[in-house]
């Protein structure tokens, strides 16, 4: 009888150990270094999510890696697979093309691959995709610009970097203006590379060339910081408002406080990395199916709702 009890205890122990082993999972997170405001937000929210998820799922280990360029990122995800034996990878690629094959190779080895924001050139290399609504950002921005100008006026546009994301935003903006506000004229569109210094330089050029500008669509809050500096230095009073995008905390606070030039903003939140990590963790830990594509809507931030989008502890 004693021997039977001992065998029964050992069997239960082995079953419990096997169940525990099955629940243990390792999730790698590969993201760009904090080289500007938005990516600083990505790094912040990735680490917040790591702490939350490891508490929520005791069997989950989350490893967050940052990379300064695509080559470093490719090497990191190879190490995450070979050394850390990850079961899932959440990646915001530095660049789409150079990361497509490395991510695809991991997927072929059975790693669940979730791509955030910048889609791969071969969609079959990713198990799931999580991103903001880039066409929607352009459309929401155009609706605000057109309505606020009363359907008529001169607008200058500052683009980001020559990417699919930028094209989607600008196409959404232009098509909405054309369809709903045909008397809003775009004076020019120039790349400012999602960068404050470039935003300042491009806006200086616009201020020199155009004597009357009613509004500025900066598309991005880092660009908008440079735009505001250029307007202030030039002492121009004709510009009614500057509309950025992404939800930088400084811009949201300006909206909240009733700033005369920053009257609204449009979300493209770095919290999308947290959303992607949460969805991935739920999928690998509970075996719940994750949607192939999750698009996070762009929302207009006004004084009325700005408090909901203000994160004072975040770097962005």
C-alpha atoms as a PDB file:
ATOM      1  CA  UNK A   1       0.000   0.000   0.000  1.00  0.00           C
ATOM      2  CA  UNK A   2       2.845   2.348   0.898  1.00  0.00           C
ATOM      3  CA  UNK A   3       4.556   1.548  -2.416  1.00  0.00           C
ATOM      4  CA  UNK A   4       1.303   2.314  -4.269  1.00  0.00           C
ATOM      5  CA  UNK A   5       0.995   5.708  -2.550  1.00  0.00           C
ATOM      6  CA  UNK A   6       4.606   6.513  -3.392  1.00  0.00           C
ATOM      7  CA  UNK A   7       4.076   5.640  -7.066  1.00  0.00           C
ATOM      8  CA  UNK A   8       0.859   7.682  -7.149  1.00  0.00           C
ATOM      9  CA  UNK A   9       2.662  10.671  -5.633  1.00  0.00           C
ATOM     10  CA  UNK A  10       5.498  10.387  -8.157  1.00  0.00           C
ATOM     11  CA  UNK A  11       3.006  10.170 -11.028  1.00  0.00           C
ATOM     12  CA  UNK A  12       1.200  13.299  -9.870  1.00  0.00           C
ATOM     13  CA  UNK A  13       4.537  15.106  -9.459  1.00  0.00           C
ATOM     14  CA  UNK A  14       5.601  14.159 -12.977  1.00  0.00           C
ATOM     15  CA  UNK A  15       2.250  15.256 -14.408  1.00  0.00           C
ATOM     16  CA  UNK A  16       2.476  18.581 -12.586  1.00  0.00           C
ATOM     17  CA  UNK A  17       6.053  19.079 -13.823  1.00  0.00           C
ATOM     18  CA  UNK A  18       5.019  18.295 -17.388  1.00  0.00           C
ATOM     19  CA  UNK A  19       2.109  20.735 -17.184  1.00  0.00           C
ATOM     20  CA  UNK A  20       4.422  23.419 -15.774  1.00  0.00           C
ATOM     21  CA  UNK A  21       6.932  22.817 -18.544  1.00  0.00           C
ATOM     22  CA  UNK A  22       4.195  23.202 -21.127  1.00  0.00           C
ATOM     23  CA  UNK A  23       3.158  26.580 -19.704  1.00  0.00           C
ATOM     24  CA  UNK A  24       6.693  27.972 -19.663  1.00  0.00           C
ATOM     25  CA  UNK A  25       7.179  30.245 -22.666  1.00  0.00           C
ATOM     26  CA  UNK A  26       9.796  32.778 -23.739  1.00  0.00           C
ATOM     27  CA  UNK A  27       8.785  35.844 -25.731  1.00  0.00           C
ATOM     28  CA  UNK A  28      11.421  37.980 -27.417  1.00  0.00           C
ATOM     29  CA  UNK A  29      10.712  41.629 -28.165  1.00  0.00           C
ATOM     30  CA  UNK A  30      12.917  43.400 -30.704  1.00  0.00           C
ATOM     31  CA  UNK A  31      12.476  47.152 -31.135  1.00  0.00           C
ATOM     32  CA  UNK A  32      14.454  50.187 -32.341  1.00  0.00           C
ATOM     33  CA  UNK A  33      16.559  52.144 -29.876  1.00  0.00           C
ATOM     34  CA  UNK A  34      15.073  55.320 -28.430  1.00  0.00           C
ATOM     35  CA  UNK A  35      16.511  57.569 -31.150  1.00  0.00           C
ATOM     36  CA  UNK A  36      13.552  59.989 -31.174  1.00  0.00           C
ATOM     37  CA  UNK A  37      10.399  60.687 -29.213  1.00  0.00           C
ATOM     38  CA  UNK A  38       8.107  58.024 -30.645  1.00  0.00           C
ATOM     39  CA  UNK A  39      10.635  55.196 -30.380  1.00  0.00           C
ATOM     40  CA  UNK A  40      11.437  56.329 -26.826  1.00  0.00           C
ATOM     41  CA  UNK A  41       7.746  55.745 -26.157  1.00  0.00           C
ATOM     42  CA  UNK A  42       7.990  52.305 -27.781  1.00  0.00           C
ATOM     43  CA  UNK A  43      10.888  51.350 -25.475  1.00  0.00           C
ATOM     44  CA  UNK A  44       9.040  52.666 -22.416  1.00  0.00           C
ATOM     45  CA  UNK A  45       5.794  50.794 -23.145  1.00  0.00           C
ATOM     46  CA  UNK A  46       7.624  47.578 -24.072  1.00  0.00           C
ATOM     47  CA  UNK A  47       9.274  47.504 -20.658  1.00  0.00           C
ATOM     48  CA  UNK A  48       6.011  48.391 -18.934  1.00  0.00           C
ATOM     49  CA  UNK A  49       4.337  45.489 -20.738  1.00  0.00           C
ATOM     50  CA  UNK A  50       7.182  43.106 -19.813  1.00  0.00           C
ATOM     51  CA  UNK A  51       6.615  43.785 -16.105  1.00  0.00           C
ATOM     52  CA  UNK A  52       2.832  43.477 -16.431  1.00  0.00           C
ATOM     53  CA  UNK A  53       2.887  40.257 -18.453  1.00  0.00           C
ATOM     54  CA  UNK A  54       5.453  38.421 -16.334  1.00  0.00           C
ATOM     55  CA  UNK A  55       3.252  39.174 -13.327  1.00  0.00           C
ATOM     56  CA  UNK A  56       0.079  38.102 -15.135  1.00  0.00           C
ATOM     57  CA  UNK A  57       1.622  34.894 -16.529  1.00  0.00           C
ATOM     58  CA  UNK A  58       4.111  33.351 -14.031  1.00  0.00           C
ATOM     59  CA  UNK A  59       5.350  30.883 -16.660  1.00  0.00           C
ATOM     60  CA  UNK A  60       6.238  33.617 -19.171  1.00  0.00           C
ATOM     61  CA  UNK A  61       9.668  35.187 -19.610  1.00  0.00           C
ATOM     62  CA  UNK A  62       9.840  38.355 -21.726  1.00  0.00           C
ATOM     63  CA  UNK A  63      13.182  39.530 -23.151  1.00  0.00           C
ATOM     64  CA  UNK A  64      13.267  43.077 -24.565  1.00  0.00           C
ATOM     65  CA  UNK A  65      16.096  44.037 -26.926  1.00  0.00           C
ATOM     66  CA  UNK A  66      16.734  47.399 -28.615  1.00  0.00           C
ATOM     67  CA  UNK A  67      18.756  47.887 -31.795  1.00  0.00           C
ATOM     68  CA  UNK A  68      20.300  50.943 -33.430  1.00  0.00           C
ATOM     69  CA  UNK A  69      19.927  49.613 -36.998  1.00  0.00           C
ATOM     70  CA  UNK A  70      18.589  46.726 -39.088  1.00  0.00           C
ATOM     71  CA  UNK A  71      21.844  44.732 -38.976  1.00  0.00           C
ATOM     72  CA  UNK A  72      21.993  44.793 -35.200  1.00  0.00           C
ATOM     73  CA  UNK A  73      18.323  43.865 -35.019  1.00  0.00           C
ATOM     74  CA  UNK A  74      18.820  40.875 -37.362  1.00  0.00           C
ATOM     75  CA  UNK A  75      21.691  39.614 -35.195  1.00  0.00           C
ATOM     76  CA  UNK A  76      19.642  40.091 -32.031  1.00  0.00           C
ATOM     77  CA  UNK A  77      16.675  38.050 -33.205  1.00  0.00           C
ATOM     78  CA  UNK A  78      19.023  35.263 -34.289  1.00  0.00           C
ATOM     79  CA  UNK A  79      20.478  35.250 -30.755  1.00  0.00           C
ATOM     80  CA  UNK A  80      16.990  35.318 -29.237  1.00  0.00           C
ATOM     81  CA  UNK A  81      16.259  32.118 -31.128  1.00  0.00           C
ATOM     82  CA  UNK A  82      19.590  30.323 -30.717  1.00  0.00           C
ATOM     83  CA  UNK A  83      20.479  31.377 -27.160  1.00  0.00           C
ATOM     84  CA  UNK A  84      17.200  32.288 -25.458  1.00  0.00           C
ATOM     85  CA  UNK A  85      15.077  29.670 -27.266  1.00  0.00           C
ATOM     86  CA  UNK A  86      12.127  32.006 -27.757  1.00  0.00           C
ATOM     87  CA  UNK A  87       8.683  30.637 -28.592  1.00  0.00           C
ATOM     88  CA  UNK A  88       7.397  33.962 -29.886  1.00  0.00           C
ATOM     89  CA  UNK A  89       8.880  37.127 -31.341  1.00  0.00           C
ATOM     90  CA  UNK A  90       7.298  40.588 -31.288  1.00  0.00           C
ATOM     91  CA  UNK A  91       9.264  42.879 -33.597  1.00  0.00           C
ATOM     92  CA  UNK A  92       9.015  46.473 -34.717  1.00  0.00           C
ATOM     93  CA  UNK A  93      11.489  46.385 -37.627  1.00  0.00           C
ATOM     94  CA  UNK A  94      14.014  49.155 -38.127  1.00  0.00           C
ATOM     95  CA  UNK A  95      13.442  48.571 -41.847  1.00  0.00           C
ATOM     96  CA  UNK A  96      11.066  46.187 -43.570  1.00  0.00           C
ATOM     97  CA  UNK A  97      13.197  44.634 -46.328  1.00  0.00           C
ATOM     98  CA  UNK A  98      16.356  43.649 -44.357  1.00  0.00           C
ATOM     99  CA  UNK A  99      14.309  42.040 -41.561  1.00  0.00           C
ATOM    100  CA  UNK A 100      11.920  40.030 -43.726  1.00  0.00           C
ATOM    101  CA  UNK A 101      14.169  36.998 -44.249  1.00  0.00           C
ATOM    102  CA  UNK A 102      15.484  36.809 -40.628  1.00  0.00           C
ATOM    103  CA  UNK A 103      11.928  36.941 -39.263  1.00  0.00           C
ATOM    104  CA  UNK A 104      10.742  34.430 -41.857  1.00  0.00           C
ATOM    105  CA  UNK A 105      13.535  32.049 -40.875  1.00  0.00           C
ATOM    106  CA  UNK A 106      12.369  32.128 -37.249  1.00  0.00           C
ATOM    107  CA  UNK A 107       8.802  31.473 -38.301  1.00  0.00           C
ATOM    108  CA  UNK A 108       9.939  28.408 -40.274  1.00  0.00           C
ATOM    109  CA  UNK A 109      11.535  27.113 -37.061  1.00  0.00           C
ATOM    110  CA  UNK A 110       8.154  27.322 -35.310  1.00  0.00           C
ATOM    111  CA  UNK A 111       8.504  30.723 -33.640  1.00  0.00           C
ATOM    112  CA  UNK A 112       5.237  32.695 -33.518  1.00  0.00           C
ATOM    113  CA  UNK A 113       6.191  35.995 -35.208  1.00  0.00           C
ATOM    114  CA  UNK A 114       4.232  39.209 -34.609  1.00  0.00           C
ATOM    115  CA  UNK A 115       5.242  42.297 -36.577  1.00  0.00           C
ATOM    116  CA  UNK A 116       4.379  45.783 -35.317  1.00  0.00           C
ATOM    117  CA  UNK A 117       3.930  48.994 -37.337  1.00  0.00           C
ATOM    118  CA  UNK A 118       6.337  48.427 -40.242  1.00  0.00           C
ATOM    119  CA  UNK A 119       5.072  45.445 -42.218  1.00  0.00           C
ATOM    120  CA  UNK A 120       7.530  43.016 -43.791  1.00  0.00           C
ATOM    121  CA  UNK A 121       7.951  42.927 -47.564  1.00  0.00           C
ATOM    122  CA  UNK A 122       6.679  39.336 -47.511  1.00  0.00           C
ATOM    123  CA  UNK A 123       3.540  39.145 -45.333  1.00  0.00           C
ATOM    124  CA  UNK A 124       3.802  35.352 -45.132  1.00  0.00           C
ATOM    125  CA  UNK A 125       6.895  35.777 -42.931  1.00  0.00           C
ATOM    126  CA  UNK A 126       4.700  37.119 -40.120  1.00  0.00           C
ATOM    127  CA  UNK A 127       2.158  35.137 -38.096  1.00  0.00           C
ATOM    128  CA  UNK A 128       0.282  38.303 -37.131  1.00  0.00           C
ATOM    129  CA  UNK A 129       0.453  42.067 -37.672  1.00  0.00           C
ATOM    130  CA  UNK A 130      -0.359  44.939 -35.272  1.00  0.00           C
ATOM    131  CA  UNK A 131      -0.242  48.563 -36.377  1.00  0.00           C
ATOM    132  CA  UNK A 132      -1.774  51.990 -36.200  1.00  0.00           C
ATOM    133  CA  UNK A 133      -4.177  53.136 -38.886  1.00  0.00           C
ATOM    134  CA  UNK A 134      -1.941  55.126 -41.235  1.00  0.00           C
ATOM    135  CA  UNK A 135      -4.587  55.912 -43.891  1.00  0.00           C
ATOM    136  CA  UNK A 136      -6.912  56.743 -41.008  1.00  0.00           C
ATOM    137  CA  UNK A 137      -4.390  59.179 -39.526  1.00  0.00           C
ATOM    138  CA  UNK A 138      -4.390  61.060 -42.829  1.00  0.00           C
ATOM    139  CA  UNK A 139      -8.182  61.022 -43.099  1.00  0.00           C
ATOM    140  CA  UNK A 140      -8.800  62.159 -39.509  1.00  0.00           C
ATOM    141  CA  UNK A 141      -6.221  64.932 -39.969  1.00  0.00           C
ATOM    142  CA  UNK A 142      -7.825  66.126 -43.224  1.00  0.00           C
ATOM    143  CA  UNK A 143     -11.281  66.147 -41.650  1.00  0.00           C
ATOM    144  CA  UNK A 144     -10.025  68.366 -38.838  1.00  0.00           C
ATOM    145  CA  UNK A 145      -8.078  70.685 -41.136  1.00  0.00           C
ATOM    146  CA  UNK A 146     -10.946  71.070 -43.604  1.00  0.00           C
ATOM    147  CA  UNK A 147     -13.625  71.590 -40.975  1.00  0.00           C
ATOM    148  CA  UNK A 148     -11.566  73.961 -38.822  1.00  0.00           C
ATOM    149  CA  UNK A 149     -10.710  76.123 -41.855  1.00  0.00           C
ATOM    150  CA  UNK A 150     -14.363  76.263 -42.829  1.00  0.00           C
ATOM    151  CA  UNK A 151     -13.644  74.409 -46.052  1.00  0.00           C
ATOM    152  CA  UNK A 152     -11.262  76.998 -47.501  1.00  0.00           C
ATOM    153  CA  UNK A 153      -7.606  77.954 -47.034  1.00  0.00           C
ATOM    154  CA  UNK A 154      -3.924  77.360 -47.766  1.00  0.00           C
ATOM    155  CA  UNK A 155      -2.146  74.425 -46.142  1.00  0.00           C
ATOM    156  CA  UNK A 156       1.480  73.261 -46.154  1.00  0.00           C
ATOM    157  CA  UNK A 157       2.344  69.611 -45.549  1.00  0.00           C
ATOM    158  CA  UNK A 158       5.461  68.172 -43.918  1.00  0.00           C
ATOM    159  CA  UNK A 159       5.947  64.518 -44.754  1.00  0.00           C
ATOM    160  CA  UNK A 160       7.853  61.876 -42.801  1.00  0.00           C
ATOM    161  CA  UNK A 161      10.340  59.507 -44.447  1.00  0.00           C
ATOM    162  CA  UNK A 162       9.752  58.101 -47.932  1.00  0.00           C
ATOM    163  CA  UNK A 163       8.021  54.897 -46.794  1.00  0.00           C
ATOM    164  CA  UNK A 164       4.744  53.042 -47.331  1.00  0.00           C
ATOM    165  CA  UNK A 165       3.543  54.439 -44.001  1.00  0.00           C
ATOM    166  CA  UNK A 166       4.138  58.034 -45.106  1.00  0.00           C
ATOM    167  CA  UNK A 167       2.466  57.416 -48.474  1.00  0.00           C
ATOM    168  CA  UNK A 168      -0.592  55.952 -46.773  1.00  0.00           C
ATOM    169  CA  UNK A 169      -0.931  58.956 -44.484  1.00  0.00           C
ATOM    170  CA  UNK A 170      -0.492  61.535 -47.240  1.00  0.00           C
ATOM    171  CA  UNK A 171      -2.794  59.676 -49.640  1.00  0.00           C
ATOM    172  CA  UNK A 172      -5.474  59.539 -46.952  1.00  0.00           C
ATOM    173  CA  UNK A 173      -5.068  63.248 -46.250  1.00  0.00           C
ATOM    174  CA  UNK A 174      -5.157  64.335 -49.894  1.00  0.00           C
ATOM    175  CA  UNK A 175      -8.027  62.076 -50.953  1.00  0.00           C
ATOM    176  CA  UNK A 176     -10.199  63.291 -48.053  1.00  0.00           C
ATOM    177  CA  UNK A 177      -9.520  66.953 -48.803  1.00  0.00           C
ATOM    178  CA  UNK A 178     -10.237  66.407 -52.492  1.00  0.00           C
ATOM    179  CA  UNK A 179     -13.523  64.622 -51.783  1.00  0.00           C
ATOM    180  CA  UNK A 180     -14.855  66.815 -48.970  1.00  0.00           C
ATOM    181  CA  UNK A 181     -12.929  70.089 -48.930  1.00  0.00           C
ATOM    182  CA  UNK A 182     -11.865  70.879 -52.522  1.00  0.00           C
ATOM    183  CA  UNK A 183     -11.244  74.554 -51.676  1.00  0.00           C
ATOM    184  CA  UNK A 184      -8.485  73.715 -49.206  1.00  0.00           C
ATOM    185  CA  UNK A 185      -5.293  74.117 -51.230  1.00  0.00           C
ATOM    186  CA  UNK A 186      -2.051  72.267 -50.473  1.00  0.00           C
ATOM    187  CA  UNK A 187       0.747  74.728 -51.269  1.00  0.00           C
ATOM    188  CA  UNK A 188       3.571  72.194 -51.029  1.00  0.00           C
ATOM    189  CA  UNK A 189       4.638  68.834 -49.556  1.00  0.00           C
ATOM    190  CA  UNK A 190       8.224  68.263 -48.410  1.00  0.00           C
ATOM    191  CA  UNK A 191       9.923  65.488 -46.407  1.00  0.00           C
ATOM    192  CA  UNK A 192      10.898  66.383 -42.844  1.00  0.00           C
ATOM    193  CA  UNK A 193      11.913  62.831 -41.869  1.00  0.00           C
ATOM    194  CA  UNK A 194       9.931  62.714 -38.603  1.00  0.00           C
ATOM    195  CA  UNK A 195      12.630  64.957 -37.200  1.00  0.00           C
ATOM    196  CA  UNK A 196      12.514  68.247 -35.271  1.00  0.00           C
ATOM    197  CA  UNK A 197      15.510  69.826 -36.993  1.00  0.00           C
ATOM    198  CA  UNK A 198      14.246  68.927 -40.453  1.00  0.00           C
ATOM    199  CA  UNK A 199      10.779  70.143 -39.509  1.00  0.00           C
ATOM    200  CA  UNK A 200      12.330  73.489 -38.564  1.00  0.00           C
ATOM    201  CA  UNK A 201      14.254  73.742 -41.862  1.00  0.00           C
ATOM    202  CA  UNK A 202      11.322  72.789 -44.087  1.00  0.00           C
ATOM    203  CA  UNK A 203       9.010  75.193 -42.269  1.00  0.00           C
ATOM    204  CA  UNK A 204      11.554  78.000 -42.598  1.00  0.00           C
ATOM    205  CA  UNK A 205      11.524  77.403 -46.354  1.00  0.00           C
ATOM    206  CA  UNK A 206       7.711  77.469 -46.453  1.00  0.00           C
ATOM    207  CA  UNK A 207       7.589  80.700 -44.447  1.00  0.00           C
ATOM    208  CA  UNK A 208      10.009  82.317 -46.873  1.00  0.00           C
ATOM    209  CA  UNK A 209       8.146  81.198 -49.996  1.00  0.00           C
ATOM    210  CA  UNK A 210       4.504  81.552 -48.951  1.00  0.00           C
ATOM    211  CA  UNK A 211       3.213  84.892 -47.607  1.00  0.00           C
ATOM    212  CA  UNK A 212      -0.110  83.402 -46.487  1.00  0.00           C
ATOM    213  CA  UNK A 213      -0.412  80.029 -44.783  1.00  0.00           C
ATOM    214  CA  UNK A 214      -3.613  79.199 -42.934  1.00  0.00           C
ATOM    215  CA  UNK A 215      -2.651  75.838 -41.429  1.00  0.00           C
ATOM    216  CA  UNK A 216       0.193  73.341 -41.202  1.00  0.00           C
ATOM    217  CA  UNK A 217      -0.203  69.579 -41.336  1.00  0.00           C
ATOM    218  CA  UNK A 218       3.010  68.311 -39.756  1.00  0.00           C
ATOM    219  CA  UNK A 219       1.738  64.696 -39.561  1.00  0.00           C
ATOM    220  CA  UNK A 220       4.103  63.973 -36.667  1.00  0.00           C
ATOM    221  CA  UNK A 221       4.618  65.633 -33.289  1.00  0.00           C
ATOM    222  CA  UNK A 222       8.424  65.679 -33.481  1.00  0.00           C
ATOM    223  CA  UNK A 223       8.138  67.536 -36.810  1.00  0.00           C
ATOM    224  CA  UNK A 224       5.572  69.863 -35.247  1.00  0.00           C
ATOM    225  CA  UNK A 225       8.055  70.898 -32.544  1.00  0.00           C
ATOM    226  CA  UNK A 226      10.403  72.191 -35.266  1.00  0.00           C
ATOM    227  CA  UNK A 227       7.497  73.853 -37.086  1.00  0.00           C
ATOM    228  CA  UNK A 228       6.469  75.783 -33.979  1.00  0.00           C
ATOM    229  CA  UNK A 229      10.039  77.002 -33.473  1.00  0.00           C
ATOM    230  CA  UNK A 230      10.222  78.276 -37.061  1.00  0.00           C
ATOM    231  CA  UNK A 231       6.878  80.080 -36.781  1.00  0.00           C
ATOM    232  CA  UNK A 232       7.905  81.677 -33.494  1.00  0.00           C
ATOM    233  CA  UNK A 233      11.242  82.881 -34.876  1.00  0.00           C
ATOM    234  CA  UNK A 234       9.590  84.303 -37.997  1.00  0.00           C
ATOM    235  CA  UNK A 235       6.923  86.068 -35.955  1.00  0.00           C
ATOM    236  CA  UNK A 236       4.196  84.941 -38.366  1.00  0.00           C
ATOM    237  CA  UNK A 237       0.622  85.579 -37.246  1.00  0.00           C
ATOM    238  CA  UNK A 238      -1.312  84.276 -40.268  1.00  0.00           C
ATOM    239  CA  UNK A 239      -1.109  80.583 -39.296  1.00  0.00           C
ATOM    240  CA  UNK A 240      -4.232  79.514 -37.435  1.00  0.00           C
ATOM    241  CA  UNK A 241      -3.059  76.102 -36.197  1.00  0.00           C
ATOM    242  CA  UNK A 242      -0.464  73.328 -36.537  1.00  0.00           C
ATOM    243  CA  UNK A 243      -1.648  69.718 -36.538  1.00  0.00           C
ATOM    244  CA  UNK A 244       0.878  67.028 -35.691  1.00  0.00           C
ATOM    245  CA  UNK A 245       0.272  63.387 -34.899  1.00  0.00           C
ATOM    246  CA  UNK A 246       1.130  60.427 -32.650  1.00  0.00           C
ATOM    247  CA  UNK A 247       0.106  61.852 -29.260  1.00  0.00           C
ATOM    248  CA  UNK A 248       3.379  63.147 -27.790  1.00  0.00           C
ATOM    249  CA  UNK A 249       2.710  64.108 -24.184  1.00  0.00           C
ATOM    250  CA  UNK A 250       3.964  67.691 -24.664  1.00  0.00           C
ATOM    251  CA  UNK A 251       1.529  68.190 -27.545  1.00  0.00           C
ATOM    252  CA  UNK A 252      -1.359  66.563 -25.704  1.00  0.00           C
ATOM    253  CA  UNK A 253      -0.672  68.887 -22.754  1.00  0.00           C
ATOM    254  CA  UNK A 254      -0.757  71.893 -25.113  1.00  0.00           C
ATOM    255  CA  UNK A 255      -4.145  70.750 -26.408  1.00  0.00           C
ATOM    256  CA  UNK A 256      -5.336  70.217 -22.842  1.00  0.00           C
ATOM    257  CA  UNK A 257      -4.180  73.694 -21.810  1.00  0.00           C
ATOM    258  CA  UNK A 258      -5.787  75.452 -24.796  1.00  0.00           C
ATOM    259  CA  UNK A 259      -2.636  76.377 -26.729  1.00  0.00           C
ATOM    260  CA  UNK A 260      -3.556  78.812 -29.549  1.00  0.00           C
ATOM    261  CA  UNK A 261      -1.614  76.925 -32.266  1.00  0.00           C
ATOM    262  CA  UNK A 262      -1.800  73.313 -31.062  1.00  0.00           C
ATOM    263  CA  UNK A 263      -5.569  72.979 -30.921  1.00  0.00           C
ATOM    264  CA  UNK A 264      -5.717  69.220 -31.610  1.00  0.00           C
ATOM    265  CA  UNK A 265      -3.612  66.138 -32.257  1.00  0.00           C
ATOM    266  CA  UNK A 266      -4.177  62.702 -33.823  1.00  0.00           C
ATOM    267  CA  UNK A 267      -3.183  59.445 -32.164  1.00  0.00           C
ATOM    268  CA  UNK A 268      -0.638  56.975 -33.495  1.00  0.00           C
ATOM    269  CA  UNK A 269       0.303  55.633 -30.098  1.00  0.00           C
ATOM    270  CA  UNK A 270       3.551  53.921 -29.130  1.00  0.00           C
ATOM    271  CA  UNK A 271       1.328  51.890 -26.781  1.00  0.00           C
ATOM    272  CA  UNK A 272       0.724  49.670 -29.830  1.00  0.00           C
ATOM    273  CA  UNK A 273       3.827  47.695 -28.779  1.00  0.00           C
ATOM    274  CA  UNK A 274       2.132  46.917 -25.458  1.00  0.00           C
ATOM    275  CA  UNK A 275      -1.037  45.878 -27.300  1.00  0.00           C
ATOM    276  CA  UNK A 276       0.983  43.548 -29.543  1.00  0.00           C
ATOM    277  CA  UNK A 277       2.797  42.013 -26.570  1.00  0.00           C
ATOM    278  CA  UNK A 278      -0.465  41.485 -24.675  1.00  0.00           C
ATOM    279  CA  UNK A 279      -2.114  39.778 -27.653  1.00  0.00           C
ATOM    280  CA  UNK A 280       0.945  37.594 -28.252  1.00  0.00           C
ATOM    281  CA  UNK A 281       1.237  36.571 -24.602  1.00  0.00           C
ATOM    282  CA  UNK A 282      -2.433  35.642 -24.450  1.00  0.00           C
ATOM    283  CA  UNK A 283      -2.061  33.550 -27.590  1.00  0.00           C
ATOM    284  CA  UNK A 284       0.991  31.551 -26.516  1.00  0.00           C
ATOM    285  CA  UNK A 285      -0.039  31.183 -22.876  1.00  0.00           C
ATOM    286  CA  UNK A 286      -3.716  30.311 -23.322  1.00  0.00           C
ATOM    287  CA  UNK A 287      -3.653  28.959 -26.900  1.00  0.00           C
ATOM    288  CA  UNK A 288      -6.227  31.574 -27.879  1.00  0.00           C
ATOM    289  CA  UNK A 289      -6.114  32.415 -31.572  1.00  0.00           C
ATOM    290  CA  UNK A 290      -4.613  35.829 -32.345  1.00  0.00           C
ATOM    291  CA  UNK A 291      -6.135  37.826 -35.225  1.00  0.00           C
ATOM    292  CA  UNK A 292      -3.952  37.916 -38.335  1.00  0.00           C
ATOM    293  CA  UNK A 293      -4.236  41.710 -38.423  1.00  0.00           C
ATOM    294  CA  UNK A 294      -5.005  44.207 -35.649  1.00  0.00           C
ATOM    295  CA  UNK A 295      -5.314  47.845 -36.702  1.00  0.00           C
ATOM    296  CA  UNK A 296      -5.507  50.439 -33.932  1.00  0.00           C
ATOM    297  CA  UNK A 297      -7.730  53.358 -35.002  1.00  0.00           C
ATOM    298  CA  UNK A 298      -6.430  56.928 -35.141  1.00  0.00           C
ATOM    299  CA  UNK A 299      -8.425  59.204 -32.846  1.00  0.00           C
ATOM    300  CA  UNK A 300      -8.705  62.995 -32.849  1.00  0.00           C
ATOM    301  CA  UNK A 301      -7.433  64.478 -29.575  1.00  0.00           C
ATOM    302  CA  UNK A 302      -9.192  67.699 -28.544  1.00  0.00           C
ATOM    303  CA  UNK A 303      -9.381  69.665 -25.328  1.00  0.00           C
ATOM    304  CA  UNK A 304     -12.474  67.660 -24.418  1.00  0.00           C
ATOM    305  CA  UNK A 305     -10.730  64.249 -24.388  1.00  0.00           C
ATOM    306  CA  UNK A 306      -7.020  65.129 -24.030  1.00  0.00           C
ATOM    307  CA  UNK A 307      -6.811  63.901 -20.427  1.00  0.00           C
ATOM    308  CA  UNK A 308      -7.438  60.328 -21.636  1.00  0.00           C
ATOM    309  CA  UNK A 309      -4.335  60.463 -23.841  1.00  0.00           C
ATOM    310  CA  UNK A 310      -1.926  62.224 -21.478  1.00  0.00           C
ATOM    311  CA  UNK A 311       0.753  59.946 -19.947  1.00  0.00           C
ATOM    312  CA  UNK A 312       3.035  62.191 -17.864  1.00  0.00           C
ATOM    313  CA  UNK A 313       5.414  59.344 -16.907  1.00  0.00           C
ATOM    314  CA  UNK A 314       6.069  58.283 -20.483  1.00  0.00           C
ATOM    315  CA  UNK A 315       9.029  59.864 -22.341  1.00  0.00           C
ATOM    316  CA  UNK A 316       6.677  60.497 -25.267  1.00  0.00           C
END
